[in-house]
Amino acid sequence: MKQAKERLFAVIDVETTGSGEGGDRVTEVGIALYDGEKILRKFESLVNPERKIPPFVARLTGISNKMVARAPRFEEIANEILDITEGAIFVAHNVDYDYGVIKREMKLLDIPFHRRKICTVRLSRKAFPEFTSFSLGDLIKKFNIKVKARHRAMADTNATVQLLGHILDKDHDGFLIEDALNCGIRLADLPEEITLNNLLKIPERSGIYYLHDSEGDVLYIGQGKNVQKRVLKHFIRNERGVLTKLGKKTRDVSYEVMGNELTSKLFEVHEIDNLNPPFNTRRRRGRMGYCIYQYYNQSGYRCLATSEYRKGLDAVCLYQHELDANSVIRQMRKEFQLCERYCQTGRRFYKVLECKKPCKKACIKEEVPESYNLRVERAIDFLQRPFEEDFLIVDVGRSDSEFSVVAVFNGQVHGLGFVERNEVHSKEDFVNAVSPIKHLPTSEHLVKDYLRHSKTAKKLLIDN
């Protein structure tokens, strides 16, 4: 096995405007090229984010708008970052964030950025399982690491270098680093037809994927916000140290980038219904065998619960899959502030003494039945109400130059598609981009849930 000490690590910390990864812009970057024993090279720079730094972020980092006003823009330091990280392992404390921010900045410049990466949070959990906290601040205290200015990029980078040194000292045979680089996959578990490099080429984007057997037949269809991460999980041994039967049978992987969560989920259920893969046991086609039903308890509270459908239950909605019924009732609890005690999932009831927020305390009789039951009525009305108008849902597509579109006509999901942004001049252009898909009972709930929570989707009504 290649020893960890022979590798080069580009240890990185970025400070940002702090407005969420989707909108973060870099204000400072610090990079140390480390060989496991000494730092070979450093790069640090303030960065003009081309937007204002919020006051609370400025107080936290000590980086003010005045400090970055004359600093280089990211495009002016991009080549330096590419050069120092080339051929090295990208290392950060909570690496998905720092890597995601750098990758997004590079994407804005149309520069592809792909590096192997490892996270010192995850490595610390494995190297020091006796610790109770793995925040950088607590680990700095634990190892008595000297830091001049926390939340400044190079100061945190230097601290992360020292932390990585402690991890490498503990990782004598290099297994932890090797395991992290292989995403927890034992290379011997992969079939000859699939290499780790090929799996890592799968986009970290929203989409669906297909696992195939040796004959090319589809064994399983899945979806996720990060298709690569979801696929990799199928080749990681479970808690018992065993590779799943599906992982053992898989000989090929294919995928479709779908742009966003709604198009991914709708196309997933469409493809499962169409192909009926043997390992999609939770979403097999079949009768509407599960339900959300209602009843009144002895105190007069109107209760909801999920169950297999049977005669005698006052069913509110029927579902093909238990998973869907449970998911909907959990969402109703959150959306309408219903009590967990009076709104339960699963085949067995469990005792809830007092709910967590957003419950209004009907469970401990602080809210009277009349008030609580009105919210239950609104929840039931929402579940049973079909789509009352024809509309389109327009959202981000598979690339920055594209829109996705989902069409809902005559109360049902009619289809979905994609269209180049510069080809859209009217609603008709969106409609023409749609390819029909079969409406399934799950489709309605996917659309309703997405419209409630998406920050990017736009609903366009279609005139009849």
Protein backbone atom coordinates (compact mmCIF):
# COMPACT_ATOMS: atom_id res chain seq x y z
CA MET A 1 0.00 0.00 0.00
CA LYS A 2 1.21 3.49 -0.83
CA GLN A 3 2.13 5.25 2.39
CA ALA A 4 0.36 8.48 3.34
CA LYS A 5 3.72 10.22 3.84
CA GLU A 6 4.44 9.91 0.09
CA ARG A 7 1.42 12.00 -0.87
CA LEU A 8 1.07 15.73 -1.39
CA PHE A 9 -1.77 17.49 0.41
CA ALA A 10 -3.12 20.90 -0.61
CA VAL A 11 -4.58 21.99 2.73
CA ILE A 12 -7.09 24.77 2.16
CA ASP A 13 -9.34 27.15 4.03
CA VAL A 14 -11.57 29.76 2.43
CA GLU A 15 -13.42 32.64 4.01
CA THR A 16 -16.56 33.78 2.24
CA THR A 17 -19.37 36.30 2.25
CA GLY A 18 -21.35 33.70 4.18
CA SER A 19 -24.63 33.78 2.29
CA GLY A 20 -24.94 30.04 1.75
CA GLU A 21 -22.88 27.88 -0.58
CA GLY A 22 -25.12 28.61 -3.55
CA GLY A 23 -24.33 32.31 -3.33
CA ASP A 24 -21.05 32.45 -1.39
CA ARG A 25 -18.17 34.39 -2.86
CA VAL A 26 -14.62 34.01 -1.60
CA THR A 27 -13.12 36.83 0.50
CA GLU A 28 -9.87 35.09 1.44
CA VAL A 29 -8.06 31.88 0.57
CA GLY A 30 -5.13 30.17 2.30
CA ILE A 31 -3.37 27.10 0.87
CA ALA A 32 -0.43 25.09 2.22
CA LEU A 33 1.18 22.36 0.12
CA TYR A 34 2.14 19.72 2.69
CA ASP A 35 4.00 16.42 2.22
CA GLY A 36 3.04 14.92 5.57
CA GLU A 37 6.18 16.22 7.30
CA LYS A 38 6.71 19.82 6.20
CA ILE A 39 5.04 22.62 4.28
CA LEU A 40 6.61 22.93 0.82
CA ARG A 41 4.77 26.01 -0.42
CA LYS A 42 2.12 28.48 0.63
CA PHE A 43 -0.34 30.78 -1.07
CA GLU A 44 -2.68 33.25 0.56
CA SER A 45 -4.66 36.21 -0.65
CA LEU A 46 -7.59 38.40 0.20
CA VAL A 47 -10.16 38.28 -2.61
CA ASN A 48 -12.58 40.91 -3.81
CA PRO A 49 -15.94 39.09 -3.72
CA GLU A 50 -17.57 41.71 -5.92
CA ARG A 51 -20.36 42.04 -3.38
CA LYS A 52 -20.77 43.40 0.14
CA ILE A 53 -19.64 41.38 3.14
CA PRO A 54 -22.47 41.20 5.72
CA PRO A 55 -21.58 42.92 9.04
CA PHE A 56 -21.86 39.75 11.15
CA VAL A 57 -19.49 37.91 8.77
CA ALA A 58 -17.04 40.81 8.91
CA ARG A 59 -17.12 40.66 12.72
CA LEU A 60 -16.54 36.89 12.71
CA THR A 61 -13.66 36.83 10.23
CA GLY A 62 -12.18 40.28 10.76
CA ILE A 63 -12.32 40.83 6.98
CA SER A 64 -14.02 44.11 6.10
CA ASN A 65 -15.30 45.53 2.84
CA LYS A 66 -12.48 48.08 2.97
CA MET A 67 -9.85 45.31 3.20
CA VAL A 68 -11.06 43.54 0.05
CA ALA A 69 -11.88 46.63 -2.01
CA ARG A 70 -8.45 46.67 -3.69
CA ALA A 71 -7.83 42.91 -3.44
CA PRO A 72 -7.61 40.79 -6.61
CA ARG A 73 -10.80 39.20 -7.93
CA PHE A 74 -10.97 35.41 -7.92
CA GLU A 75 -10.28 35.23 -11.64
CA GLU A 76 -6.91 36.93 -10.99
CA ILE A 77 -5.76 34.22 -8.56
CA ALA A 78 -7.47 31.19 -10.15
CA ASN A 79 -4.32 30.05 -11.99
CA GLU A 80 -2.32 30.16 -8.74
CA ILE A 81 -4.91 27.94 -7.05
CA LEU A 82 -4.94 25.53 -9.99
CA ASP A 83 -1.15 25.32 -9.95
CA ILE A 84 -0.65 24.70 -6.23
CA THR A 85 -3.43 22.09 -6.04
CA GLU A 86 -2.48 20.25 -9.26
CA GLY A 87 -1.68 16.61 -8.47
CA ALA A 88 -2.31 17.12 -4.74
CA ILE A 89 -5.10 15.90 -2.49
CA PHE A 90 -7.52 18.70 -1.59
CA VAL A 91 -7.81 18.76 2.22
CA ALA A 92 -10.06 20.92 4.38
CA HIS A 93 -11.98 20.79 7.64
CA ASN A 94 -15.49 20.12 6.28
CA VAL A 95 -14.06 19.66 2.80
CA ASP A 96 -17.37 19.55 0.93
CA TYR A 97 -17.94 23.21 1.75
CA ASP A 98 -14.47 24.56 0.85
CA TYR A 99 -14.21 22.34 -2.24
CA GLY A 100 -17.72 23.31 -3.32
CA VAL A 101 -16.99 27.03 -3.00
CA ILE A 102 -13.72 26.79 -4.98
CA LYS A 103 -15.35 24.61 -7.63
CA ARG A 104 -18.23 27.08 -7.98
CA GLU A 105 -15.85 30.02 -8.37
CA MET A 106 -13.97 28.08 -11.07
CA LYS A 107 -17.26 27.22 -12.78
CA LEU A 108 -18.13 30.93 -13.01
CA LEU A 109 -14.91 31.27 -15.02
CA ASP A 110 -15.70 28.19 -17.15
CA ILE A 111 -12.70 26.40 -15.64
CA PRO A 112 -13.17 22.67 -14.84
CA PHE A 113 -11.94 21.82 -11.33
CA HIS A 114 -11.60 18.21 -10.19
CA ARG A 115 -9.38 17.13 -7.31
CA ARG A 116 -9.32 14.11 -5.03
CA LYS A 117 -10.41 15.29 -1.63
CA ILE A 118 -10.41 14.22 2.01
CA CYS A 119 -12.01 15.79 5.07
CA THR A 120 -10.21 16.26 8.39
CA VAL A 121 -13.55 16.18 10.23
CA ARG A 122 -14.26 12.64 9.02
CA LEU A 123 -10.65 11.56 9.44
CA SER A 124 -10.60 12.91 13.02
CA ARG A 125 -13.72 10.93 13.89
CA LYS A 126 -11.99 7.73 12.79
CA ALA A 127 -8.54 8.52 14.16
CA PHE A 128 -9.75 9.83 17.55
CA PRO A 129 -13.10 8.14 18.28
CA GLU A 130 -12.72 8.92 21.98
CA PHE A 131 -13.17 12.66 21.32
CA THR A 132 -16.63 14.16 21.82
CA SER A 133 -16.31 17.14 19.48
CA PHE A 134 -14.63 17.48 16.11
CA SER A 135 -15.02 21.18 15.40
CA LEU A 136 -11.75 22.82 14.37
CA GLY A 137 -11.87 25.06 17.44
CA ASP A 138 -12.19 22.13 19.85
CA LEU A 139 -9.49 20.11 18.07
CA ILE A 140 -7.16 23.11 18.21
CA LYS A 141 -7.62 23.15 22.00
CA LYS A 142 -7.27 19.38 22.28
CA PHE A 143 -3.89 19.35 20.51
CA ASN A 144 -2.77 22.70 21.90
CA ILE A 145 -2.30 24.11 18.39
CA LYS A 146 -1.17 27.73 18.35
CA VAL A 147 -3.37 29.93 16.16
CA LYS A 148 -2.85 33.66 15.71
CA ALA A 149 -6.19 34.62 14.20
CA ARG A 150 -9.09 32.14 14.03
CA HIS A 151 -11.40 32.48 11.02
CA ARG A 152 -8.64 33.94 8.88
CA ALA A 153 -7.84 31.67 5.98
CA MET A 154 -4.12 31.00 6.44
CA ALA A 155 -4.41 30.76 10.23
CA ASP A 156 -7.07 28.07 9.91
CA THR A 157 -5.08 26.38 7.12
CA ASN A 158 -1.99 26.19 9.35
CA ALA A 159 -4.12 24.72 12.15
CA THR A 160 -5.58 22.15 9.74
CA VAL A 161 -2.06 21.20 8.58
CA GLN A 162 -1.08 20.47 12.19
CA LEU A 163 -4.30 18.53 12.74
CA LEU A 164 -3.58 16.48 9.60
CA GLY A 165 -0.11 15.79 10.99
CA HIS A 166 -1.65 14.31 14.16
CA ILE A 167 -3.96 12.17 12.02
CA LEU A 168 -1.06 10.90 9.90
CA ASP A 169 0.92 10.05 13.05
CA LYS A 170 -2.02 7.92 14.20
CA ASP A 171 -2.51 6.42 10.72
CA HIS A 172 0.74 4.39 10.64
CA ASP A 173 -0.15 2.15 7.69
CA GLY A 174 -1.95 4.85 5.69
CA PHE A 175 -5.26 2.97 5.86
CA LEU A 176 -7.36 5.97 6.96
CA ILE A 177 -6.11 8.16 4.11
CA GLU A 178 -6.45 5.34 1.59
CA ASP A 179 -9.98 4.60 2.79
CA ALA A 180 -10.94 8.29 2.59
CA LEU A 181 -9.52 8.63 -0.93
CA ASN A 182 -11.43 5.52 -1.97
CA CYS A 183 -14.62 6.97 -0.46
CA GLY A 184 -14.84 4.02 1.95
CA ILE A 185 -14.82 1.49 -0.90
CA ARG A 186 -12.56 -1.56 -0.76
CA LEU A 187 -11.14 -1.77 -4.27
CA ALA A 188 -11.22 -5.56 -4.14
CA ASP A 189 -15.03 -5.35 -3.78
CA LEU A 190 -15.43 -3.64 -7.14
CA PRO A 191 -16.12 -5.91 -10.13
CA GLU A 192 -13.58 -5.94 -12.96
CA GLU A 193 -15.98 -3.95 -15.14
CA ILE A 194 -16.14 -0.98 -12.73
CA THR A 195 -13.19 1.14 -11.57
CA LEU A 196 -13.17 3.73 -8.81
CA ASN A 197 -11.95 6.34 -11.30
CA ASN A 198 -15.01 5.73 -13.45
CA LEU A 199 -17.31 6.06 -10.44
CA LEU A 200 -15.64 9.34 -9.48
CA LYS A 201 -16.34 10.67 -12.99
CA ILE A 202 -20.08 10.48 -12.30
CA PRO A 203 -21.28 14.08 -11.83
CA GLU A 204 -21.95 15.40 -8.36
CA ARG A 205 -25.26 16.70 -9.68
CA SER A 206 -28.94 15.98 -9.23
CA GLY A 207 -30.14 13.08 -11.36
CA ILE A 208 -31.04 9.41 -11.57
CA TYR A 209 -28.84 6.34 -11.98
CA TYR A 210 -29.22 2.74 -13.14
CA LEU A 211 -27.33 -0.28 -11.78
CA HIS A 212 -26.99 -3.05 -14.39
CA ASP A 213 -26.15 -6.75 -14.18
CA SER A 214 -23.74 -8.66 -16.42
CA GLU A 215 -26.40 -8.91 -19.16
CA GLY A 216 -27.03 -5.16 -19.11
CA ASP A 217 -30.45 -5.54 -17.48
CA VAL A 218 -31.43 -2.90 -14.92
CA LEU A 219 -31.25 -4.16 -11.34
CA TYR A 220 -32.02 -0.92 -9.56
CA ILE A 221 -32.92 2.73 -10.25
CA GLY A 222 -32.16 5.49 -7.77
CA GLN A 223 -31.93 9.26 -7.63
CA GLY A 224 -30.28 11.93 -5.54
CA LYS A 225 -29.09 15.51 -5.33
CA ASN A 226 -25.57 14.09 -5.71
CA VAL A 227 -25.70 11.09 -8.05
CA GLN A 228 -22.04 10.21 -7.53
CA LYS A 229 -22.43 9.99 -3.75
CA ARG A 230 -25.54 7.83 -4.04
CA VAL A 231 -23.86 5.41 -6.46
CA LEU A 232 -20.73 5.09 -4.31
CA LYS A 233 -22.83 4.01 -1.30
CA HIS A 234 -23.85 0.84 -3.13
CA PHE A 235 -20.22 -0.34 -3.12
CA ILE A 236 -19.49 0.41 0.55
CA ARG A 237 -19.77 -2.45 3.03
CA ASN A 238 -22.57 -2.21 5.58
CA GLU A 239 -22.28 -2.15 9.39
CA ARG A 240 -21.71 -5.91 9.40
CA GLY A 241 -18.77 -5.51 7.05
CA VAL A 242 -20.66 -7.11 4.16
CA LEU A 243 -21.25 -5.81 0.64
CA THR A 244 -24.97 -5.85 -0.19
CA LYS A 245 -26.38 -8.37 -2.65
CA LEU A 246 -27.13 -5.51 -5.06
CA GLY A 247 -23.54 -4.27 -4.89
CA LYS A 248 -22.23 -7.79 -5.60
CA LYS A 249 -24.48 -8.24 -8.65
CA THR A 250 -23.83 -4.83 -10.23
CA ARG A 251 -21.54 -4.85 -13.29
CA ASP A 252 -22.24 -1.43 -14.82
CA VAL A 253 -23.61 1.98 -13.89
CA SER A 254 -25.35 4.53 -16.11
CA TYR A 255 -26.94 7.83 -15.17
CA GLU A 256 -28.93 10.83 -16.35
CA VAL A 257 -28.33 14.35 -15.01
CA MET A 258 -31.77 15.85 -14.39
CA GLY A 259 -30.99 19.36 -13.16
CA ASN A 260 -33.01 19.43 -9.93
CA GLU A 261 -34.75 17.31 -7.33
CA LEU A 262 -38.25 17.41 -8.83
CA THR A 263 -37.30 16.26 -12.34
CA SER A 264 -35.05 13.58 -10.77
CA LYS A 265 -37.80 12.18 -8.54
CA LEU A 266 -40.51 12.30 -11.20
CA PHE A 267 -38.32 10.57 -13.77
CA GLU A 268 -37.20 8.02 -11.18
CA VAL A 269 -40.76 6.88 -10.37
CA HIS A 270 -41.59 6.91 -14.09
CA GLU A 271 -38.62 4.68 -14.92
CA ILE A 272 -39.26 2.33 -11.99
CA ASP A 273 -42.88 1.94 -13.09
CA ASN A 274 -41.74 1.35 -16.67
CA LEU A 275 -38.82 -1.05 -16.07
CA ASN A 276 -39.82 -2.66 -12.75
CA PRO A 277 -36.24 -3.42 -11.55
CA PRO A 278 -35.99 -6.40 -9.17
CA PHE A 279 -34.20 -4.47 -6.38
CA ASN A 280 -36.63 -1.52 -6.25
CA THR A 281 -38.79 -3.38 -3.76
CA ARG A 282 -40.02 -0.22 -2.05
CA ARG A 283 -41.45 1.23 -5.23
CA ARG A 284 -42.80 -1.77 -7.13
CA ARG A 285 -45.94 -1.33 -9.13
CA GLY A 286 -49.02 -2.58 -7.40
CA ARG A 287 -52.30 -1.77 -5.79
CA MET A 288 -52.92 1.23 -3.57
CA GLY A 289 -52.18 -0.85 -0.50
CA TYR A 290 -51.37 1.86 2.08
CA CYS A 291 -53.25 4.81 3.45
CA ILE A 292 -53.39 7.76 5.78
CA TYR A 293 -56.54 7.36 7.86
CA GLN A 294 -58.28 9.46 10.52
CA TYR A 295 -60.01 8.78 13.82
CA TYR A 296 -60.96 10.66 17.00
CA ASN A 297 -59.33 9.73 20.29
CA GLN A 298 -61.05 9.68 23.67
CA SER A 299 -60.18 13.33 24.30
CA GLY A 300 -61.81 14.46 21.07
CA TYR A 301 -58.63 15.14 19.09
CA ARG A 302 -58.73 14.25 15.39
CA CYS A 303 -55.79 11.91 14.75
CA LEU A 304 -54.02 10.77 11.60
CA ALA A 305 -51.98 7.60 11.11
CA THR A 306 -50.56 5.43 8.35
CA SER A 307 -51.39 1.78 7.82
CA GLU A 308 -51.96 -0.92 5.26
CA TYR A 309 -55.39 -0.19 3.86
CA ARG A 310 -58.18 -2.41 5.13
CA LYS A 311 -61.93 -2.27 5.48
CA GLY A 312 -63.18 -0.21 8.39
CA LEU A 313 -60.46 2.46 8.26
CA ASP A 314 -61.60 6.01 7.53
CA ALA A 315 -58.96 6.52 4.82
CA VAL A 316 -58.05 10.07 3.84
CA CYS A 317 -55.63 9.19 1.01
CA LEU A 318 -54.41 5.97 -0.58
CA TYR A 319 -50.81 5.22 -1.61
CA GLN A 320 -48.99 2.50 -3.48
CA HIS A 321 -46.08 2.46 -1.04
CA GLU A 322 -45.77 2.65 2.73
CA LEU A 323 -42.73 4.87 2.25
CA ASP A 324 -44.87 7.48 0.47
CA ALA A 325 -47.62 7.46 3.11
CA ASN A 326 -45.11 7.89 5.93
CA SER A 327 -43.30 10.67 4.07
CA VAL A 328 -46.53 12.60 3.47
CA ILE A 329 -47.75 12.36 7.06
CA ARG A 330 -44.39 13.60 8.37
CA GLN A 331 -44.63 16.54 6.00
CA MET A 332 -48.18 17.29 7.17
CA ARG A 333 -46.97 17.31 10.78
CA LYS A 334 -44.40 19.93 9.92
CA GLU A 335 -46.53 21.97 7.50
CA PHE A 336 -49.66 22.21 9.68
CA GLN A 337 -48.02 22.07 13.12
CA LEU A 338 -49.67 18.80 14.04
CA CYS A 339 -48.77 16.78 17.11
CA GLU A 340 -46.51 13.78 16.69
CA ARG A 341 -48.60 12.03 19.33
CA TYR A 342 -51.76 12.41 17.24
CA CYS A 343 -50.16 12.03 13.82
CA GLN A 344 -48.14 8.82 13.66
CA THR A 345 -46.37 6.66 11.09
CA GLY A 346 -45.63 2.98 10.89
CA ARG A 347 -47.37 -0.21 11.74
CA ARG A 348 -47.12 0.25 15.49
CA PHE A 349 -48.04 3.26 17.57
CA TYR A 350 -45.36 4.61 19.84
CA LYS A 351 -45.78 6.68 22.96
CA VAL A 352 -45.02 10.39 22.67
CA LEU A 353 -45.30 12.24 25.96
CA GLU A 354 -44.69 15.70 24.52
CA CYS A 355 -43.92 16.74 20.95
CA LYS A 356 -41.11 18.91 19.70
CA LYS A 357 -41.75 22.13 17.80
CA PRO A 358 -43.72 23.11 15.73
CA CYS A 359 -46.46 21.37 17.78
CA LYS A 360 -48.79 23.76 19.66
CA LYS A 361 -49.01 21.43 22.68
CA ALA A 362 -52.30 19.68 22.01
CA CYS A 363 -50.45 16.59 23.18
CA ILE A 364 -50.36 17.97 26.73
CA LYS A 365 -53.84 19.52 26.46
CA GLU A 366 -52.60 23.12 26.19
CA GLU A 367 -54.43 23.42 22.86
CA VAL A 368 -58.12 22.53 22.84
CA PRO A 369 -59.46 19.91 20.39
CA GLU A 370 -61.55 22.45 18.44
CA SER A 371 -58.49 24.53 17.52
CA TYR A 372 -56.29 21.53 16.77
CA ASN A 373 -58.96 19.78 14.69
CA LEU A 374 -59.29 22.82 12.40
CA ARG A 375 -55.64 22.42 11.40
CA VAL A 376 -56.18 18.70 10.80
CA GLU A 377 -59.13 19.63 8.57
CA ARG A 378 -56.92 21.99 6.55
CA ALA A 379 -54.26 19.26 6.23
CA ILE A 380 -56.83 16.74 4.97
CA ASP A 381 -58.26 19.29 2.55
CA PHE A 382 -54.75 19.90 1.20
CA LEU A 383 -54.10 16.17 0.74
CA GLN A 384 -57.38 15.55 -1.07
CA ARG A 385 -57.40 18.66 -3.25
CA PRO A 386 -56.31 17.91 -6.82
CA PHE A 387 -54.52 20.46 -8.97
CA GLU A 388 -57.16 23.03 -9.89
CA GLU A 389 -55.38 24.65 -12.84
CA ASP A 390 -52.98 23.83 -15.63
CA PHE A 391 -49.46 25.08 -14.97
CA LEU A 392 -45.76 24.68 -15.67
CA ILE A 393 -42.95 24.43 -13.14
CA VAL A 394 -39.81 26.05 -14.53
CA ASP A 395 -36.53 25.51 -12.72
CA VAL A 396 -32.78 25.10 -13.24
CA GLY A 397 -31.81 22.65 -15.96
CA ARG A 398 -28.94 20.27 -16.52
CA SER A 399 -26.60 23.17 -17.28
CA ASP A 400 -26.52 26.91 -16.66
CA SER A 401 -27.79 27.52 -20.20
CA GLU A 402 -30.90 25.39 -19.74
CA PHE A 403 -34.30 25.40 -18.05
CA SER A 404 -36.16 22.32 -16.82
CA VAL A 405 -39.92 22.27 -17.18
CA VAL A 406 -42.62 20.07 -15.63
CA ALA A 407 -46.15 20.29 -17.06
CA VAL A 408 -49.30 19.67 -15.00
CA PHE A 409 -52.46 19.44 -17.14
CA ASN A 410 -55.97 18.31 -16.22
CA GLY A 411 -54.98 17.67 -12.61
CA GLN A 412 -52.12 15.31 -13.47
CA VAL A 413 -48.39 15.48 -14.16
CA HIS A 414 -48.31 15.42 -17.95
CA GLY A 415 -44.57 15.35 -18.60
CA LEU A 416 -41.18 16.98 -18.23
CA GLY A 417 -38.37 18.26 -20.42
CA PHE A 418 -35.51 20.69 -20.92
CA VAL A 419 -35.03 23.72 -23.13
CA GLU A 420 -32.16 26.13 -23.82
CA ARG A 421 -32.77 29.48 -22.14
CA ASN A 422 -32.08 31.44 -25.30
CA GLU A 423 -34.77 29.45 -27.15
CA VAL A 424 -37.59 30.49 -24.80
CA HIS A 425 -39.73 33.42 -25.96
CA SER A 426 -43.14 32.36 -24.67
CA LYS A 427 -44.89 29.77 -22.50
CA GLU A 428 -45.53 27.79 -25.66
CA ASP A 429 -41.79 27.17 -25.99
CA PHE A 430 -41.81 25.53 -22.54
CA VAL A 431 -44.83 23.39 -23.46
CA ASN A 432 -43.19 22.21 -26.67
CA ALA A 433 -40.12 21.03 -24.72
CA VAL A 434 -42.18 18.60 -22.60
CA SER A 435 -42.09 14.85 -23.23
CA PRO A 436 -45.06 12.90 -21.78
CA ILE A 437 -44.61 10.67 -18.75
CA LYS A 438 -47.18 8.52 -16.99
CA HIS A 439 -48.93 10.19 -14.05
CA LEU A 440 -48.56 8.09 -10.91
CA PRO A 441 -50.16 8.61 -7.47
CA THR A 442 -46.76 9.60 -6.08
CA SER A 443 -46.33 12.31 -8.75
CA GLU A 444 -48.92 14.63 -7.23
CA HIS A 445 -47.26 14.63 -3.82
CA LEU A 446 -43.80 15.16 -5.30
CA VAL A 447 -45.01 18.26 -7.14
CA LYS A 448 -46.89 19.69 -4.15
CA ASP A 449 -43.96 19.14 -1.82
CA TYR A 450 -41.50 20.70 -4.25
CA LEU A 451 -43.61 23.80 -4.83
CA ARG A 452 -43.82 24.37 -1.07
CA HIS A 453 -40.09 24.25 -0.49
CA SER A 454 -38.16 25.08 -3.65
CA LYS A 455 -36.46 28.48 -3.69
CA THR A 456 -35.73 28.35 -7.42
CA ALA A 457 -38.87 26.93 -9.04
CA LYS A 458 -41.35 29.23 -10.78
CA LYS A 459 -44.98 28.28 -11.34
CA LEU A 460 -46.45 29.55 -14.62
CA LEU A 461 -50.22 29.25 -15.09
CA ILE A 462 -51.46 28.13 -18.48
CA ASP A 463 -54.60 29.78 -19.84
CA ASN A 464 -57.25 27.30 -20.89
